[in-house]
Amino acid sequence: MRYLLSITLMIAIFAVSVAAIGCGGSDITGKYVDRDYPDRYHIELYEDGTFHTKEDKVSYDGTWKIEGDQLTFTLDNSERTMTATIKENRITDEFGNIFVKQQDK
């Protein structure tokens, strides 16, 4: 019973977080490019909670989640995670690199 209650609570918190983002008019999914090197580095966040990133000629895929303004990325087939902060269509990674959301064309 406690397990079911915990799962229900986690789902409710996730739903409220998603609703809060939606109500604020801020959809975080989309493509973000490195502010200083837009042709070399990018991150794409997909609605299904997955991401794709490219660093020079190397690509990575994985999953992402958001809690408040904190993004956590987990690489596929790995337990390696990275964190970043998202604010006003900008992602700042743990090394201080800034990725700016591209506008839909």
N, C-alpha and C. Protein backbone atom coordinates (compact mmCIF):
# COMPACT_ATOMS: atom_id res chain seq x y z
N MET A 1 0.83 -1.20 0.00
CA MET A 1 0.00 0.00 0.00
C MET A 1 0.87 1.25 0.00
N ARG A 2 1.93 1.26 0.82
CA ARG A 2 2.81 2.43 0.86
C ARG A 2 3.49 2.63 -0.49
N TYR A 3 3.86 1.51 -1.14
CA TYR A 3 4.50 1.59 -2.44
C TYR A 3 3.58 2.26 -3.44
N LEU A 4 2.31 1.87 -3.46
CA LEU A 4 1.34 2.47 -4.37
C LEU A 4 1.16 3.95 -4.07
N LEU A 5 1.12 4.31 -2.81
CA LEU A 5 0.98 5.70 -2.41
C LEU A 5 2.20 6.51 -2.87
N SER A 6 3.39 5.94 -2.73
CA SER A 6 4.61 6.63 -3.16
C SER A 6 4.61 6.86 -4.66
N ILE A 7 4.23 5.83 -5.42
CA ILE A 7 4.17 5.95 -6.88
C ILE A 7 3.15 7.02 -7.27
N THR A 8 1.98 7.00 -6.64
CA THR A 8 0.94 7.97 -6.94
C THR A 8 1.41 9.39 -6.64
N LEU A 9 2.11 9.56 -5.52
CA LEU A 9 2.63 10.87 -5.14
C LEU A 9 3.67 11.36 -6.15
N MET A 10 4.55 10.47 -6.59
CA MET A 10 5.58 10.85 -7.57
C MET A 10 4.93 11.27 -8.88
N ILE A 11 3.92 10.54 -9.32
CA ILE A 11 3.22 10.88 -10.56
C ILE A 11 2.53 12.23 -10.42
N ALA A 12 1.92 12.47 -9.27
CA ALA A 12 1.23 13.74 -9.04
C ALA A 12 2.22 14.91 -9.06
N ILE A 13 3.39 14.74 -8.44
CA ILE A 13 4.40 15.80 -8.43
C ILE A 13 4.88 16.07 -9.85
N PHE A 14 5.12 15.01 -10.61
CA PHE A 14 5.54 15.18 -12.00
C PHE A 14 4.48 15.92 -12.80
N ALA A 15 3.22 15.54 -12.63
CA ALA A 15 2.13 16.18 -13.38
C ALA A 15 2.02 17.65 -13.03
N VAL A 16 2.16 18.00 -11.76
CA VAL A 16 2.10 19.39 -11.34
C VAL A 16 3.27 20.17 -11.93
N SER A 17 4.46 19.56 -11.95
CA SER A 17 5.64 20.22 -12.52
C SER A 17 5.43 20.50 -14.00
N VAL A 18 4.93 19.51 -14.73
CA VAL A 18 4.68 19.68 -16.16
C VAL A 18 3.62 20.74 -16.38
N ALA A 19 2.56 20.71 -15.58
CA ALA A 19 1.49 21.70 -15.72
C ALA A 19 2.01 23.11 -15.43
N ALA A 20 2.87 23.23 -14.43
CA ALA A 20 3.43 24.55 -14.09
C ALA A 20 4.26 25.09 -15.24
N ILE A 21 5.03 24.23 -15.86
CA ILE A 21 5.82 24.67 -17.00
C ILE A 21 4.90 25.09 -18.13
N GLY A 22 3.87 24.29 -18.39
CA GLY A 22 2.93 24.60 -19.46
C GLY A 22 2.18 25.89 -19.20
N CYS A 23 1.75 26.11 -17.97
CA CYS A 23 1.00 27.32 -17.65
C CYS A 23 1.85 28.56 -17.78
N GLY A 24 3.14 28.42 -17.57
CA GLY A 24 4.03 29.55 -17.69
C GLY A 24 4.36 29.87 -19.14
N GLY A 25 3.84 29.08 -20.06
CA GLY A 25 4.10 29.33 -21.46
C GLY A 25 5.52 28.95 -21.86
N SER A 26 6.18 28.17 -21.04
CA SER A 26 7.57 27.83 -21.28
C SER A 26 7.69 26.35 -21.61
N ASP A 27 7.78 26.04 -22.89
CA ASP A 27 7.99 24.67 -23.32
C ASP A 27 9.49 24.48 -23.47
N ILE A 28 10.07 23.63 -22.65
CA ILE A 28 11.53 23.50 -22.69
C ILE A 28 12.02 22.57 -23.79
N THR A 29 11.12 21.82 -24.42
CA THR A 29 11.57 20.93 -25.48
C THR A 29 12.01 21.75 -26.69
N GLY A 30 12.95 21.20 -27.44
CA GLY A 30 13.45 21.88 -28.62
C GLY A 30 14.95 21.78 -28.71
N LYS A 31 15.51 22.52 -29.64
CA LYS A 31 16.95 22.49 -29.89
C LYS A 31 17.62 23.70 -29.27
N TYR A 32 18.70 23.44 -28.55
CA TYR A 32 19.52 24.47 -27.92
C TYR A 32 20.92 24.38 -28.51
N VAL A 33 21.49 25.54 -28.88
CA VAL A 33 22.83 25.56 -29.45
C VAL A 33 23.77 26.31 -28.51
N ASP A 34 25.02 25.90 -28.52
CA ASP A 34 26.03 26.57 -27.70
C ASP A 34 26.13 28.03 -28.14
N ARG A 35 26.07 28.93 -27.18
CA ARG A 35 26.10 30.36 -27.48
C ARG A 35 27.38 30.76 -28.21
N ASP A 36 28.51 30.16 -27.82
CA ASP A 36 29.79 30.54 -28.40
C ASP A 36 30.18 29.72 -29.63
N TYR A 37 29.69 28.47 -29.71
CA TYR A 37 30.03 27.58 -30.82
C TYR A 37 28.77 26.88 -31.34
N PRO A 38 27.84 27.62 -31.94
CA PRO A 38 26.56 27.04 -32.35
C PRO A 38 26.67 25.93 -33.39
N ASP A 39 27.71 25.94 -34.19
CA ASP A 39 27.86 24.90 -35.21
C ASP A 39 28.53 23.64 -34.67
N ARG A 40 29.08 23.70 -33.48
CA ARG A 40 29.82 22.56 -32.95
C ARG A 40 29.08 21.79 -31.87
N TYR A 41 28.24 22.46 -31.09
CA TYR A 41 27.59 21.82 -29.94
C TYR A 41 26.11 22.14 -29.91
N HIS A 42 25.29 21.12 -29.69
CA HIS A 42 23.87 21.36 -29.50
C HIS A 42 23.25 20.26 -28.64
N ILE A 43 22.09 20.58 -28.08
CA ILE A 43 21.29 19.65 -27.29
C ILE A 43 19.87 19.74 -27.80
N GLU A 44 19.24 18.59 -28.04
CA GLU A 44 17.83 18.57 -28.42
C GLU A 44 17.05 17.82 -27.34
N LEU A 45 16.07 18.48 -26.75
CA LEU A 45 15.20 17.88 -25.74
C LEU A 45 13.88 17.50 -26.40
N TYR A 46 13.49 16.25 -26.26
CA TYR A 46 12.26 15.76 -26.87
C TYR A 46 11.17 15.60 -25.82
N GLU A 47 9.92 15.70 -26.27
CA GLU A 47 8.77 15.63 -25.36
C GLU A 47 8.68 14.33 -24.59
N ASP A 48 9.23 13.24 -25.14
CA ASP A 48 9.14 11.95 -24.46
C ASP A 48 10.18 11.77 -23.36
N GLY A 49 10.93 12.84 -23.04
CA GLY A 49 11.92 12.77 -21.97
C GLY A 49 13.27 12.26 -22.42
N THR A 50 13.49 12.18 -23.74
CA THR A 50 14.80 11.78 -24.26
C THR A 50 15.52 13.01 -24.81
N PHE A 51 16.82 12.85 -25.00
CA PHE A 51 17.60 13.94 -25.58
C PHE A 51 18.64 13.38 -26.54
N HIS A 52 19.13 14.26 -27.40
CA HIS A 52 20.24 13.96 -28.29
C HIS A 52 21.18 15.15 -28.20
N THR A 53 22.46 14.90 -28.10
CA THR A 53 23.43 15.98 -28.06
C THR A 53 24.59 15.66 -28.99
N LYS A 54 25.16 16.71 -29.52
CA LYS A 54 26.30 16.56 -30.42
C LYS A 54 27.42 17.45 -29.92
N GLU A 55 28.58 16.85 -29.78
CA GLU A 55 29.78 17.58 -29.40
C GLU A 55 30.81 17.32 -30.47
N ASP A 56 31.07 18.31 -31.29
CA ASP A 56 31.92 18.14 -32.48
C ASP A 56 31.35 17.00 -33.32
N LYS A 57 32.09 15.92 -33.46
CA LYS A 57 31.63 14.81 -34.30
C LYS A 57 31.11 13.63 -33.49
N VAL A 58 30.97 13.79 -32.19
CA VAL A 58 30.50 12.72 -31.31
C VAL A 58 29.08 13.04 -30.85
N SER A 59 28.19 12.04 -30.92
CA SER A 59 26.81 12.23 -30.50
C SER A 59 26.49 11.33 -29.31
N TYR A 60 25.59 11.78 -28.47
CA TYR A 60 25.12 11.02 -27.31
C TYR A 60 23.60 11.10 -27.25
N ASP A 61 23.00 10.07 -26.70
CA ASP A 61 21.56 10.04 -26.47
C ASP A 61 21.31 9.62 -25.03
N GLY A 62 20.14 9.97 -24.53
CA GLY A 62 19.79 9.58 -23.17
C GLY A 62 18.44 10.13 -22.79
N THR A 63 18.24 10.25 -21.49
CA THR A 63 16.98 10.77 -20.96
C THR A 63 17.24 12.02 -20.14
N TRP A 64 16.22 12.84 -19.99
CA TRP A 64 16.32 14.03 -19.17
C TRP A 64 15.11 14.12 -18.26
N LYS A 65 15.29 14.82 -17.15
CA LYS A 65 14.17 15.13 -16.26
C LYS A 65 14.42 16.51 -15.69
N ILE A 66 13.35 17.14 -15.26
CA ILE A 66 13.45 18.48 -14.70
C ILE A 66 12.79 18.52 -13.33
N GLU A 67 13.44 19.21 -12.42
CA GLU A 67 12.90 19.47 -11.08
C GLU A 67 13.19 20.93 -10.79
N GLY A 68 12.14 21.74 -10.79
CA GLY A 68 12.33 23.18 -10.63
C GLY A 68 13.05 23.71 -11.86
N ASP A 69 14.22 24.34 -11.65
CA ASP A 69 15.01 24.83 -12.78
C ASP A 69 16.23 23.94 -13.04
N GLN A 70 16.27 22.76 -12.41
CA GLN A 70 17.40 21.85 -12.57
C GLN A 70 17.08 20.73 -13.56
N LEU A 71 17.90 20.61 -14.59
CA LEU A 71 17.80 19.53 -15.56
C LEU A 71 18.82 18.47 -15.20
N THR A 72 18.43 17.21 -15.28
CA THR A 72 19.37 16.11 -15.09
C THR A 72 19.34 15.26 -16.34
N PHE A 73 20.51 15.04 -16.91
CA PHE A 73 20.68 14.22 -18.10
C PHE A 73 21.33 12.91 -17.71
N THR A 74 20.80 11.80 -18.21
CA THR A 74 21.40 10.48 -17.99
C THR A 74 21.68 9.87 -19.35
N LEU A 75 22.94 9.49 -19.59
CA LEU A 75 23.31 8.90 -20.87
C LEU A 75 22.76 7.49 -20.99
N ASP A 76 22.34 7.13 -22.20
CA ASP A 76 21.87 5.76 -22.47
C ASP A 76 22.98 4.76 -22.13
N ASN A 77 22.56 3.60 -21.65
CA ASN A 77 23.48 2.50 -21.33
C ASN A 77 24.57 2.92 -20.34
N SER A 78 24.22 3.84 -19.44
CA SER A 78 25.19 4.33 -18.48
C SER A 78 24.46 4.87 -17.26
N GLU A 79 25.16 4.94 -16.16
CA GLU A 79 24.60 5.59 -14.98
C GLU A 79 25.15 7.01 -14.85
N ARG A 80 25.92 7.44 -15.84
CA ARG A 80 26.52 8.77 -15.81
C ARG A 80 25.44 9.83 -15.98
N THR A 81 25.44 10.79 -15.08
CA THR A 81 24.49 11.89 -15.16
C THR A 81 25.23 13.22 -15.19
N MET A 82 24.57 14.21 -15.74
CA MET A 82 25.07 15.58 -15.74
C MET A 82 23.90 16.48 -15.37
N THR A 83 24.21 17.58 -14.73
CA THR A 83 23.15 18.51 -14.35
C THR A 83 23.35 19.85 -15.05
N ALA A 84 22.27 20.57 -15.16
CA ALA A 84 22.28 21.89 -15.78
C ALA A 84 21.12 22.69 -15.19
N THR A 85 21.17 23.99 -15.39
CA THR A 85 20.10 24.88 -14.95
C THR A 85 19.43 25.46 -16.19
N ILE A 86 18.12 25.52 -16.17
CA ILE A 86 17.40 26.12 -17.29
C ILE A 86 16.66 27.35 -16.80
N LYS A 87 16.82 28.44 -17.54
CA LYS A 87 16.15 29.69 -17.19
C LYS A 87 16.00 30.53 -18.45
N GLU A 88 14.78 30.96 -18.71
CA GLU A 88 14.49 31.85 -19.83
C GLU A 88 15.10 31.36 -21.14
N ASN A 89 14.79 30.13 -21.53
CA ASN A 89 15.25 29.55 -22.79
C ASN A 89 16.76 29.42 -22.90
N ARG A 90 17.42 29.29 -21.75
CA ARG A 90 18.87 29.08 -21.72
C ARG A 90 19.18 27.91 -20.80
N ILE A 91 20.06 27.05 -21.26
CA ILE A 91 20.55 25.97 -20.43
C ILE A 91 22.01 26.28 -20.11
N THR A 92 22.34 26.27 -18.84
CA THR A 92 23.72 26.46 -18.41
C THR A 92 24.18 25.16 -17.79
N ASP A 93 25.19 24.53 -18.40
CA ASP A 93 25.65 23.24 -17.88
C ASP A 93 26.55 23.43 -16.67
N GLU A 94 26.97 22.32 -16.08
CA GLU A 94 27.75 22.38 -14.84
C GLU A 94 29.15 22.96 -15.04
N PHE A 95 29.55 23.17 -16.30
CA PHE A 95 30.85 23.77 -16.60
C PHE A 95 30.73 25.25 -16.98
N GLY A 96 29.50 25.77 -16.96
CA GLY A 96 29.27 27.17 -17.28
C GLY A 96 28.99 27.45 -18.75
N ASN A 97 28.93 26.41 -19.58
CA ASN A 97 28.60 26.59 -20.99
C ASN A 97 27.12 26.93 -21.11
N ILE A 98 26.80 27.88 -21.98
CA ILE A 98 25.42 28.33 -22.15
C ILE A 98 24.90 27.91 -23.51
N PHE A 99 23.73 27.26 -23.49
CA PHE A 99 23.05 26.83 -24.70
C PHE A 99 21.76 27.63 -24.81
N VAL A 100 21.52 28.22 -25.98
CA VAL A 100 20.37 29.08 -26.20
C VAL A 100 19.38 28.37 -27.10
N LYS A 101 18.10 28.42 -26.73
CA LYS A 101 17.08 27.75 -27.51
C LYS A 101 16.89 28.41 -28.86
N GLN A 102 16.87 27.59 -29.90
CA GLN A 102 16.61 28.09 -31.24
C GLN A 102 15.12 28.29 -31.40
N GLN A 103 14.75 29.34 -32.06
CA GLN A 103 13.34 29.60 -32.32
C GLN A 103 12.89 28.74 -33.50
N ASP A 104 11.63 28.29 -33.44
CA ASP A 104 11.08 27.51 -34.55
C ASP A 104 11.08 28.36 -35.80
N LYS A 105 11.42 27.72 -36.91
CA LYS A 105 11.47 28.45 -38.18
C LYS A 105 10.24 28.17 -39.00
